[in-house]
Amino acid sequence: CIGPNKCKCFPGFTGKICNQDLNECGLKPRPCEHRCMNTHGSYKCYC
C-alpha cells in the first residue's frame, strides 16, 4: 500500500489490489524469442 487505496504490485502481478497474475507472455515486446509459459508471478522461456 503506497497511498490511500493505491497499491504498488510486486513484479509479475497486476490489478487494483494486486490480486491477479500478470501474463508476461502476452506483453509487447514478448519476453521470449520462441515460446513462453506463464507461471504464478513469473514466466519461463523455452525454444
All heavy atoms as atom14 arrays in JSON, in Angstrom:
{
  "sequence": "CIGPNKCKCFPGFTGKICNQDLNECGLKPRPCEHRCMNTHGSYKCYC",
  "atom14_mask": [
    [1, 1, 1, 1, 1, 1, 0, 0, 0, 0, 0, 0, 0, 0],
    [1, 1, 1, 1, 1, 1, 1, 1, 0, 0, 0, 0, 0, 0],
    [1, 1, 1, 1, 0, 0, 0, 0, 0, 0, 0, 0, 0, 0],
    [1, 1, 1, 1, 1, 1, 1, 0, 0, 0, 0, 0, 0, 0],
    [1, 1, 1, 1, 1, 1, 1, 1, 0, 0, 0, 0, 0, 0],
    [1, 1, 1, 1, 1, 1, 1, 1, 1, 0, 0, 0, 0, 0],
    [1, 1, 1, 1, 1, 1, 0, 0, 0, 0, 0, 0, 0, 0],
    [1, 1, 1, 1, 1, 1, 1, 1, 1, 0, 0, 0, 0, 0],
    [1, 1, 1, 1, 1, 1, 0, 0, 0, 0, 0, 0, 0, 0],
    [1, 1, 1, 1, 1, 1, 1, 1, 1, 1, 1, 0, 0, 0],
    [1, 1, 1, 1, 1, 1, 1, 0, 0, 0, 0, 0, 0, 0],
    [1, 1, 1, 1, 0, 0, 0, 0, 0, 0, 0, 0, 0, 0],
    [1, 1, 1, 1, 1, 1, 1, 1, 1, 1, 1, 0, 0, 0],
    [1, 1, 1, 1, 1, 1, 1, 0, 0, 0, 0, 0, 0, 0],
    [1, 1, 1, 1, 0, 0, 0, 0, 0, 0, 0, 0, 0, 0],
    [1, 1, 1, 1, 1, 1, 1, 1, 1, 0, 0, 0, 0, 0],
    [1, 1, 1, 1, 1, 1, 1, 1, 0, 0, 0, 0, 0, 0],
    [1, 1, 1, 1, 1, 1, 0, 0, 0, 0, 0, 0, 0, 0],
    [1, 1, 1, 1, 1, 1, 1, 1, 0, 0, 0, 0, 0, 0],
    [1, 1, 1, 1, 1, 1, 1, 1, 1, 0, 0, 0, 0, 0],
    [1, 1, 1, 1, 1, 1, 1, 1, 0, 0, 0, 0, 0, 0],
    [1, 1, 1, 1, 1, 1, 1, 1, 0, 0, 0, 0, 0, 0],
    [1, 1, 1, 1, 1, 1, 1, 1, 0, 0, 0, 0, 0, 0],
    [1, 1, 1, 1, 1, 1, 1, 1, 1, 0, 0, 0, 0, 0],
    [1, 1, 1, 1, 1, 1, 0, 0, 0, 0, 0, 0, 0, 0],
    [1, 1, 1, 1, 0, 0, 0, 0, 0, 0, 0, 0, 0, 0],
    [1, 1, 1, 1, 1, 1, 1, 1, 0, 0, 0, 0, 0, 0],
    [1, 1, 1, 1, 1, 1, 1, 1, 1, 0, 0, 0, 0, 0],
    [1, 1, 1, 1, 1, 1, 1, 0, 0, 0, 0, 0, 0, 0],
    [1, 1, 1, 1, 1, 1, 1, 1, 1, 1, 1, 0, 0, 0],
    [1, 1, 1, 1, 1, 1, 1, 0, 0, 0, 0, 0, 0, 0],
    [1, 1, 1, 1, 1, 1, 0, 0, 0, 0, 0, 0, 0, 0],
    [1, 1, 1, 1, 1, 1, 1, 1, 1, 0, 0, 0, 0, 0],
    [1, 1, 1, 1, 1, 1, 1, 1, 1, 1, 0, 0, 0, 0],
    [1, 1, 1, 1, 1, 1, 1, 1, 1, 1, 1, 0, 0, 0],
    [1, 1, 1, 1, 1, 1, 0, 0, 0, 0, 0, 0, 0, 0],
    [1, 1, 1, 1, 1, 1, 1, 1, 0, 0, 0, 0, 0, 0],
    [1, 1, 1, 1, 1, 1, 1, 1, 0, 0, 0, 0, 0, 0],
    [1, 1, 1, 1, 1, 1, 1, 0, 0, 0, 0, 0, 0, 0],
    [1, 1, 1, 1, 1, 1, 1, 1, 1, 1, 0, 0, 0, 0],
    [1, 1, 1, 1, 0, 0, 0, 0, 0, 0, 0, 0, 0, 0],
    [1, 1, 1, 1, 1, 1, 0, 0, 0, 0, 0, 0, 0, 0],
    [1, 1, 1, 1, 1, 1, 1, 1, 1, 1, 1, 1, 0, 0],
    [1, 1, 1, 1, 1, 1, 1, 1, 1, 0, 0, 0, 0, 0],
    [1, 1, 1, 1, 1, 1, 0, 0, 0, 0, 0, 0, 0, 0],
    [1, 1, 1, 1, 1, 1, 1, 1, 1, 1, 1, 1, 0, 0],
    [1, 1, 1, 1, 1, 1, 0, 0, 0, 0, 0, 0, 0, 0]
  ],
  "atom14_positions": [
    [[0.86, -1.18, 0.0], [0.0, 0.0, 0.0], [0.9, 1.24, 0.0], [1.73, 1.4, 0.89], [-0.88, -0.05, 1.24], [-2.19, 1.18, 1.23], [0.0, 0.0, 0.0], [0.0, 0.0, 0.0], [0.0, 0.0, 0.0], [0.0, 0.0, 0.0], [0.0, 0.0, 0.0], [0.0, 0.0, 0.0], [0.0, 0.0, 0.0], [0.0, 0.0, 0.0]],
    [[0.75, 2.12, -1.01], [1.63, 3.3, -1.11], [0.84, 4.61, -1.0], [1.43, 5.68, -1.0], [2.47, 3.28, -2.42], [1.56, 3.17, -3.66], [3.51, 2.2, -2.39], [2.21, 3.62, -4.94], [0.0, 0.0, 0.0], [0.0, 0.0, 0.0], [0.0, 0.0, 0.0], [0.0, 0.0, 0.0], [0.0, 0.0, 0.0], [0.0, 0.0, 0.0]],
    [[-0.46, 4.54, -0.92], [-1.29, 5.74, -0.8], [-2.7, 5.3, -0.47], [-2.99, 4.11, -0.46], [0.0, 0.0, 0.0], [0.0, 0.0, 0.0], [0.0, 0.0, 0.0], [0.0, 0.0, 0.0], [0.0, 0.0, 0.0], [0.0, 0.0, 0.0], [0.0, 0.0, 0.0], [0.0, 0.0, 0.0], [0.0, 0.0, 0.0], [0.0, 0.0, 0.0]],
    [[-3.6, 6.26, -0.19], [-4.98, 5.85, 0.13], [-5.57, 5.0, -1.01], [-5.71, 5.47, -2.13], [-5.71, 7.18, 0.27], [-4.64, 8.2, 0.54], [-3.42, 7.7, -0.17], [0.0, 0.0, 0.0], [0.0, 0.0, 0.0], [0.0, 0.0, 0.0], [0.0, 0.0, 0.0], [0.0, 0.0, 0.0], [0.0, 0.0, 0.0], [0.0, 0.0, 0.0]],
    [[-5.83, 3.73, -0.69], [-6.37, 2.76, -1.65], [-5.56, 2.7, -2.95], [-6.11, 2.52, -4.03], [-7.85, 3.03, -1.95], [-8.72, 2.71, -0.75], [-8.38, 1.83, 0.04], [-9.81, 3.41, -0.6], [0.0, 0.0, 0.0], [0.0, 0.0, 0.0], [0.0, 0.0, 0.0], [0.0, 0.0, 0.0], [0.0, 0.0, 0.0], [0.0, 0.0, 0.0]],
    [[-4.24, 2.85, -2.84], [-3.36, 2.76, -4.01], [-2.29, 1.7, -3.74], [-1.52, 1.83, -2.79], [-2.72, 4.13, -4.28], [-1.98, 4.2, -5.61], [-1.68, 5.65, -5.97], [-0.69, 5.83, -7.08], [-0.85, 5.02, -8.27], [0.0, 0.0, 0.0], [0.0, 0.0, 0.0], [0.0, 0.0, 0.0], [0.0, 0.0, 0.0], [0.0, 0.0, 0.0]],
    [[-2.3, 0.66, -4.58], [-1.35, -0.44, -4.4], [-0.22, -0.37, -5.42], [-0.43, 0.04, -6.55], [-2.06, -1.78, -4.6], [-3.32, -2.13, -3.35], [0.0, 0.0, 0.0], [0.0, 0.0, 0.0], [0.0, 0.0, 0.0], [0.0, 0.0, 0.0], [0.0, 0.0, 0.0], [0.0, 0.0, 0.0], [0.0, 0.0, 0.0], [0.0, 0.0, 0.0]],
    [[0.97, -0.77, -4.99], [2.11, -0.94, -5.89], [2.38, -2.44, -5.93], [2.72, -3.05, -4.91], [3.33, -0.18, -5.37], [4.55, -0.28, -6.29], [5.71, 0.55, -5.72], [6.87, 0.6, -6.67], [7.84, -0.46, -6.46], [0.0, 0.0, 0.0], [0.0, 0.0, 0.0], [0.0, 0.0, 0.0], [0.0, 0.0, 0.0], [0.0, 0.0, 0.0]],
    [[2.13, -3.06, -7.09], [2.22, -4.52, -7.2], [3.65, -5.01, -7.27], [4.52, -4.35, -7.84], [1.46, -5.0, -8.44], [-0.28, -4.55, -8.42], [0.0, 0.0, 0.0], [0.0, 0.0, 0.0], [0.0, 0.0, 0.0], [0.0, 0.0, 0.0], [0.0, 0.0, 0.0], [0.0, 0.0, 0.0], [0.0, 0.0, 0.0], [0.0, 0.0, 0.0]],
    [[3.87, -6.2, -6.7], [5.17, -6.87, -6.83], [5.31, -7.29, -8.29], [4.3, -7.47, -8.98], [5.25, -8.1, -5.93], [5.14, -7.8, -4.46], [4.4, -8.65, -3.62], [5.76, -6.69, -3.89], [4.3, -8.38, -2.26], [5.66, -6.42, -2.53], [4.93, -7.26, -1.72], [0.0, 0.0, 0.0], [0.0, 0.0, 0.0], [0.0, 0.0, 0.0]],
    [[6.56, -7.47, -8.8], [6.71, -7.89, -10.2], [5.93, -9.17, -10.48], [5.91, -10.08, -9.65], [8.22, -8.14, -10.33], [8.84, -7.35, -9.22], [7.84, -7.34, -8.11], [0.0, 0.0, 0.0], [0.0, 0.0, 0.0], [0.0, 0.0, 0.0], [0.0, 0.0, 0.0], [0.0, 0.0, 0.0], [0.0, 0.0, 0.0], [0.0, 0.0, 0.0]],
    [[5.25, -9.2, -11.61], [4.5, -10.39, -12.01], [3.04, -10.37, -11.61], [2.3, -11.3, -11.9], [0.0, 0.0, 0.0], [0.0, 0.0, 0.0], [0.0, 0.0, 0.0], [0.0, 0.0, 0.0], [0.0, 0.0, 0.0], [0.0, 0.0, 0.0], [0.0, 0.0, 0.0], [0.0, 0.0, 0.0], [0.0, 0.0, 0.0], [0.0, 0.0, 0.0]],
    [[2.6, -9.27, -10.93], [1.2, -9.18, -10.51], [0.6, -7.86, -10.96], [1.31, -6.87, -11.17], [1.07, -9.36, -9.0], [1.45, -10.74, -8.55], [2.73, -10.99, -8.09], [0.56, -11.79, -8.65], [3.11, -12.28, -7.71], [0.93, -13.07, -8.28], [2.2, -13.32, -7.81], [0.0, 0.0, 0.0], [0.0, 0.0, 0.0], [0.0, 0.0, 0.0]],
    [[-0.73, -7.85, -11.09], [-1.43, -6.66, -11.58], [-2.81, -6.56, -10.93], [-3.19, -7.43, -10.15], [-1.52, -6.7, -13.13], [-2.08, -5.48, -13.59], [-2.4, -7.86, -13.63], [0.0, 0.0, 0.0], [0.0, 0.0, 0.0], [0.0, 0.0, 0.0], [0.0, 0.0, 0.0], [0.0, 0.0, 0.0], [0.0, 0.0, 0.0], [0.0, 0.0, 0.0]],
    [[-3.55, -5.52, -11.28], [-4.9, -5.32, -10.74], [-4.89, -4.24, -9.68], [-3.86, -3.89, -9.13], [0.0, 0.0, 0.0], [0.0, 0.0, 0.0], [0.0, 0.0, 0.0], [0.0, 0.0, 0.0], [0.0, 0.0, 0.0], [0.0, 0.0, 0.0], [0.0, 0.0, 0.0], [0.0, 0.0, 0.0], [0.0, 0.0, 0.0], [0.0, 0.0, 0.0]],
    [[-6.09, -3.71, -9.38], [-6.24, -2.63, -8.41], [-5.71, -3.03, -7.03], [-5.12, -2.23, -6.32], [-7.72, -2.22, -8.32], [-7.94, -0.89, -7.66], [-9.34, -0.36, -7.92], [-9.74, 0.78, -7.03], [-8.84, 1.91, -6.98], [0.0, 0.0, 0.0], [0.0, 0.0, 0.0], [0.0, 0.0, 0.0], [0.0, 0.0, 0.0], [0.0, 0.0, 0.0]],
    [[-5.93, -4.31, -6.66], [-5.45, -4.77, -5.35], [-4.35, -5.83, -5.52], [-4.07, -6.61, -4.62], [-6.61, -5.28, -4.46], [-7.4, -6.41, -5.13], [-7.52, -4.15, -4.04], [-8.35, -7.15, -4.2], [0.0, 0.0, 0.0], [0.0, 0.0, 0.0], [0.0, 0.0, 0.0], [0.0, 0.0, 0.0], [0.0, 0.0, 0.0], [0.0, 0.0, 0.0]],
    [[-3.71, -5.85, -6.7], [-2.58, -6.74, -7.0], [-2.93, -8.21, -6.74], [-2.12, -8.96, -6.2], [-1.34, -6.37, -6.18], [-0.84, -4.65, -6.4], [0.0, 0.0, 0.0], [0.0, 0.0, 0.0], [0.0, 0.0, 0.0], [0.0, 0.0, 0.0], [0.0, 0.0, 0.0], [0.0, 0.0, 0.0], [0.0, 0.0, 0.0], [0.0, 0.0, 0.0]],
    [[-4.14, -8.61, -7.1], [-4.57, -9.99, -6.84], [-4.56, -10.85, -8.1], [-4.93, -12.01, -8.05], [-5.97, -10.01, -6.2], [-7.03, -9.41, -7.12], [-6.71, -8.66, -8.05], [-8.28, -9.74, -6.86], [0.0, 0.0, 0.0], [0.0, 0.0, 0.0], [0.0, 0.0, 0.0], [0.0, 0.0, 0.0], [0.0, 0.0, 0.0], [0.0, 0.0, 0.0]],
    [[-4.15, -10.27, -9.23], [-4.16, -11.03, -10.49], [-2.73, -11.28, -10.97], [-1.88, -10.39, -10.89], [-4.91, -10.25, -11.58], [-6.37, -10.02, -11.25], [-6.96, -8.86, -12.06], [-6.26, -7.95, -12.48], [-8.26, -8.91, -12.26], [0.0, 0.0, 0.0], [0.0, 0.0, 0.0], [0.0, 0.0, 0.0], [0.0, 0.0, 0.0], [0.0, 0.0, 0.0]],
    [[-2.53, -12.47, -11.49], [-1.24, -12.83, -12.07], [-1.1, -12.1, -13.4], [-2.02, -12.09, -14.21], [-1.18, -14.35, -12.27], [0.03, -14.78, -13.08], [1.14, -14.42, -12.68], [-0.14, -15.46, -14.11], [0.0, 0.0, 0.0], [0.0, 0.0, 0.0], [0.0, 0.0, 0.0], [0.0, 0.0, 0.0], [0.0, 0.0, 0.0], [0.0, 0.0, 0.0]],
    [[0.05, -11.47, -13.62], [0.31, -10.79, -14.89], [0.81, -11.82, -15.9], [1.75, -12.55, -15.61], [1.39, -9.71, -14.68], [1.87, -8.96, -15.92], [0.81, -8.04, -16.47], [3.12, -8.16, -15.6], [0.0, 0.0, 0.0], [0.0, 0.0, 0.0], [0.0, 0.0, 0.0], [0.0, 0.0, 0.0], [0.0, 0.0, 0.0], [0.0, 0.0, 0.0]],
    [[0.14, -11.92, -17.05], [0.57, -12.86, -18.08], [1.67, -12.19, -18.91], [1.39, -11.49, -19.88], [-0.62, -13.28, -18.95], [-0.21, -14.28, -20.03], [0.95, -14.69, -20.12], [-1.15, -14.67, -20.85], [0.0, 0.0, 0.0], [0.0, 0.0, 0.0], [0.0, 0.0, 0.0], [0.0, 0.0, 0.0], [0.0, 0.0, 0.0], [0.0, 0.0, 0.0]],
    [[2.92, -12.41, -18.48], [4.05, -11.76, -19.16], [4.17, -12.21, -20.62], [4.71, -11.49, -21.44], [5.38, -12.09, -18.45], [5.52, -11.49, -17.07], [4.94, -12.35, -15.96], [4.26, -13.37, -16.25], [5.13, -11.99, -14.8], [0.0, 0.0, 0.0], [0.0, 0.0, 0.0], [0.0, 0.0, 0.0], [0.0, 0.0, 0.0], [0.0, 0.0, 0.0]],
    [[3.66, -13.4, -20.92], [3.75, -13.94, -22.29], [2.94, -13.09, -23.28], [3.21, -13.1, -24.47], [3.28, -15.39, -22.33], [4.3, -16.47, -21.29], [0.0, 0.0, 0.0], [0.0, 0.0, 0.0], [0.0, 0.0, 0.0], [0.0, 0.0, 0.0], [0.0, 0.0, 0.0], [0.0, 0.0, 0.0], [0.0, 0.0, 0.0], [0.0, 0.0, 0.0]],
    [[1.96, -12.37, -22.78], [1.12, -11.54, -23.65], [1.64, -10.11, -23.8], [1.05, -9.31, -24.52], [0.0, 0.0, 0.0], [0.0, 0.0, 0.0], [0.0, 0.0, 0.0], [0.0, 0.0, 0.0], [0.0, 0.0, 0.0], [0.0, 0.0, 0.0], [0.0, 0.0, 0.0], [0.0, 0.0, 0.0], [0.0, 0.0, 0.0], [0.0, 0.0, 0.0]],
    [[2.73, -9.78, -23.1], [3.27, -8.42, -23.17], [3.96, -8.16, -24.5], [4.44, -9.08, -25.15], [4.29, -8.19, -22.04], [3.77, -8.22, -20.61], [4.92, -8.08, -19.63], [2.76, -7.1, -20.35], [0.0, 0.0, 0.0], [0.0, 0.0, 0.0], [0.0, 0.0, 0.0], [0.0, 0.0, 0.0], [0.0, 0.0, 0.0], [0.0, 0.0, 0.0]],
    [[3.99, -6.87, -24.88], [4.74, -6.46, -26.07], [5.87, -5.55, -25.62], [5.6, -4.63, -24.87], [3.83, -5.72, -27.06], [2.67, -6.55, -27.59], [2.81, -6.76, -29.09], [1.63, -7.44, -29.73], [1.29, -8.75, -29.33], [0.0, 0.0, 0.0], [0.0, 0.0, 0.0], [0.0, 0.0, 0.0], [0.0, 0.0, 0.0], [0.0, 0.0, 0.0]],
    [[7.13, -5.68, -25.97], [7.62, -6.82, -26.75], [7.59, -8.12, -25.95], [7.68, -8.09, -24.73], [9.08, -6.4, -27.05], [9.45, -5.49, -25.93], [8.19, -4.78, -25.54], [0.0, 0.0, 0.0], [0.0, 0.0, 0.0], [0.0, 0.0, 0.0], [0.0, 0.0, 0.0], [0.0, 0.0, 0.0], [0.0, 0.0, 0.0], [0.0, 0.0, 0.0]],
    [[7.46, -9.24, -26.65], [7.38, -10.54, -25.98], [8.68, -10.83, -25.24], [9.76, -10.58, -25.75], [7.1, -11.64, -27.01], [5.68, -11.54, -27.58], [5.35, -12.71, -28.48], [5.34, -13.95, -27.72], [5.86, -15.1, -28.16], [6.43, -15.14, -29.33], [5.8, -16.18, -27.43], [0.0, 0.0, 0.0], [0.0, 0.0, 0.0], [0.0, 0.0, 0.0]],
    [[8.58, -11.37, -24.01], [9.8, -11.6, -23.24], [10.64, -12.79, -23.73], [11.81, -12.89, -23.41], [9.28, -11.86, -21.82], [7.9, -12.37, -22.01], [7.37, -11.73, -23.25], [0.0, 0.0, 0.0], [0.0, 0.0, 0.0], [0.0, 0.0, 0.0], [0.0, 0.0, 0.0], [0.0, 0.0, 0.0], [0.0, 0.0, 0.0], [0.0, 0.0, 0.0]],
    [[10.03, -13.67, -24.51], [10.76, -14.85, -25.0], [10.81, -14.82, -26.53], [9.87, -14.38, -27.18], [10.06, -16.14, -24.57], [9.84, -16.29, -22.79], [0.0, 0.0, 0.0], [0.0, 0.0, 0.0], [0.0, 0.0, 0.0], [0.0, 0.0, 0.0], [0.0, 0.0, 0.0], [0.0, 0.0, 0.0], [0.0, 0.0, 0.0], [0.0, 0.0, 0.0]],
    [[11.9, -15.33, -27.08], [12.06, -15.32, -28.53], [11.13, -16.33, -29.2], [10.49, -16.02, -30.19], [13.52, -15.61, -28.9], [13.79, -15.36, -30.37], [15.24, -15.62, -30.76], [16.08, -15.89, -29.87], [15.52, -15.57, -31.96], [0.0, 0.0, 0.0], [0.0, 0.0, 0.0], [0.0, 0.0, 0.0], [0.0, 0.0, 0.0], [0.0, 0.0, 0.0]],
    [[11.05, -17.56, -28.65], [10.23, -18.6, -29.27], [8.94, -18.84, -28.49], [7.91, -18.31, -28.83], [11.02, -19.91, -29.38], [12.01, -19.91, -30.51], [12.71, -21.02, -30.87], [12.41, -18.91, -31.35], [13.51, -20.72, -31.9], [13.35, -19.44, -32.2], [0.0, 0.0, 0.0], [0.0, 0.0, 0.0], [0.0, 0.0, 0.0], [0.0, 0.0, 0.0]],
    [[9.05, -19.63, -27.42], [7.85, -19.99, -26.68], [7.93, -19.5, -25.25], [9.01, -19.41, -24.68], [7.66, -21.51, -26.68], [7.22, -22.02, -28.04], [6.95, -23.48, -27.97], [6.48, -24.0, -29.24], [6.52, -25.26, -29.58], [7.05, -26.15, -28.76], [6.06, -25.67, -30.74], [0.0, 0.0, 0.0], [0.0, 0.0, 0.0], [0.0, 0.0, 0.0]],
    [[6.75, -19.21, -24.7], [6.68, -18.63, -23.36], [5.63, -19.39, -22.55], [4.57, -19.71, -23.07], [6.29, -17.17, -23.51], [6.15, -16.26, -21.97], [0.0, 0.0, 0.0], [0.0, 0.0, 0.0], [0.0, 0.0, 0.0], [0.0, 0.0, 0.0], [0.0, 0.0, 0.0], [0.0, 0.0, 0.0], [0.0, 0.0, 0.0], [0.0, 0.0, 0.0]],
    [[5.95, -19.7, -21.3], [4.98, -20.34, -20.41], [4.76, -19.41, -19.23], [5.69, -19.09, -18.5], [5.49, -21.7, -19.92], [4.5, -22.39, -18.98], [5.19, -23.88, -18.23], [4.49, -25.12, -19.29], [0.0, 0.0, 0.0], [0.0, 0.0, 0.0], [0.0, 0.0, 0.0], [0.0, 0.0, 0.0], [0.0, 0.0, 0.0], [0.0, 0.0, 0.0]],
    [[3.5, -18.96, -19.04], [3.19, -18.09, -17.91], [3.14, -18.94, -16.64], [2.63, -20.04, -16.64], [1.83, -17.42, -18.14], [1.51, -16.41, -17.06], [2.35, -15.6, -16.7], [0.32, -16.48, -16.52], [0.0, 0.0, 0.0], [0.0, 0.0, 0.0], [0.0, 0.0, 0.0], [0.0, 0.0, 0.0], [0.0, 0.0, 0.0], [0.0, 0.0, 0.0]],
    [[3.73, -18.42, -15.56], [3.68, -19.11, -14.26], [3.16, -18.1, -13.24], [3.06, -16.92, -13.53], [5.08, -19.61, -13.83], [5.94, -18.47, -13.7], [5.68, -20.6, -14.81], [0.0, 0.0, 0.0], [0.0, 0.0, 0.0], [0.0, 0.0, 0.0], [0.0, 0.0, 0.0], [0.0, 0.0, 0.0], [0.0, 0.0, 0.0], [0.0, 0.0, 0.0]],
    [[2.82, -18.55, -12.03], [2.27, -17.68, -11.0], [3.32, -16.64, -10.6], [4.33, -16.99, -10.0], [1.85, -18.53, -9.79], [1.12, -17.75, -8.74], [-0.12, -17.2, -8.96], [1.46, -17.43, -7.47], [-0.5, -16.58, -7.87], [0.44, -16.7, -6.94], [0.0, 0.0, 0.0], [0.0, 0.0, 0.0], [0.0, 0.0, 0.0], [0.0, 0.0, 0.0]],
    [[3.1, -15.39, -11.0], [4.02, -14.31, -10.66], [5.25, -14.21, -11.52], [6.1, -13.35, -11.3], [0.0, 0.0, 0.0], [0.0, 0.0, 0.0], [0.0, 0.0, 0.0], [0.0, 0.0, 0.0], [0.0, 0.0, 0.0], [0.0, 0.0, 0.0], [0.0, 0.0, 0.0], [0.0, 0.0, 0.0], [0.0, 0.0, 0.0], [0.0, 0.0, 0.0]],
    [[5.37, -15.07, -12.52], [6.56, -15.05, -13.37], [6.27, -15.69, -14.72], [5.12, -15.83, -15.12], [7.71, -15.76, -12.65], [8.92, -15.55, -13.35], [0.0, 0.0, 0.0], [0.0, 0.0, 0.0], [0.0, 0.0, 0.0], [0.0, 0.0, 0.0], [0.0, 0.0, 0.0], [0.0, 0.0, 0.0], [0.0, 0.0, 0.0], [0.0, 0.0, 0.0]],
    [[7.33, -16.13, -15.42], [7.19, -16.81, -16.71], [8.48, -17.57, -16.99], [9.5, -17.34, -16.35], [6.92, -15.8, -17.85], [8.08, -14.87, -18.13], [8.99, -15.15, -19.14], [8.28, -13.72, -17.37], [10.07, -14.31, -19.39], [9.36, -12.88, -17.61], [10.24, -13.18, -18.61], [11.32, -12.36, -18.85], [0.0, 0.0, 0.0], [0.0, 0.0, 0.0]],
    [[8.42, -18.5, -17.96], [9.6, -19.26, -18.38], [9.67, -19.23, -19.9], [8.65, -19.31, -20.56], [9.5, -20.72, -17.94], [9.36, -20.93, -16.45], [10.66, -21.25, -15.81], [10.42, -21.56, -14.35], [11.57, -21.66, -13.55], [0.0, 0.0, 0.0], [0.0, 0.0, 0.0], [0.0, 0.0, 0.0], [0.0, 0.0, 0.0], [0.0, 0.0, 0.0]],
    [[10.88, -19.13, -20.42], [11.09, -19.19, -21.87], [11.57, -20.59, -22.25], [12.29, -21.22, -21.47], [12.16, -18.19, -22.3], [11.74, -16.47, -21.98], [0.0, 0.0, 0.0], [0.0, 0.0, 0.0], [0.0, 0.0, 0.0], [0.0, 0.0, 0.0], [0.0, 0.0, 0.0], [0.0, 0.0, 0.0], [0.0, 0.0, 0.0], [0.0, 0.0, 0.0]],
    [[11.19, -21.04, -23.42], [11.79, -22.26, -23.96], [11.79, -22.17, -25.48], [11.12, -21.33, -26.07], [11.13, -23.53, -23.44], [9.64, -23.67, -23.63], [9.12, -24.47, -24.63], [8.74, -23.02, -22.79], [7.76, -24.61, -24.8], [7.38, -23.16, -22.94], [6.89, -23.96, -23.95], [5.55, -24.1, -24.12], [0.0, 0.0, 0.0], [0.0, 0.0, 0.0]],
    [[12.61, -23.01, -26.09], [12.85, -22.9, -27.53], [12.22, -24.04, -28.31], [11.93, -25.1, -27.76], [14.35, -22.89, -27.8], [15.19, -21.53, -26.97], [0.0, 0.0, 0.0], [0.0, 0.0, 0.0], [0.0, 0.0, 0.0], [0.0, 0.0, 0.0], [0.0, 0.0, 0.0], [0.0, 0.0, 0.0], [0.0, 0.0, 0.0], [0.0, 0.0, 0.0]]
  ]
}
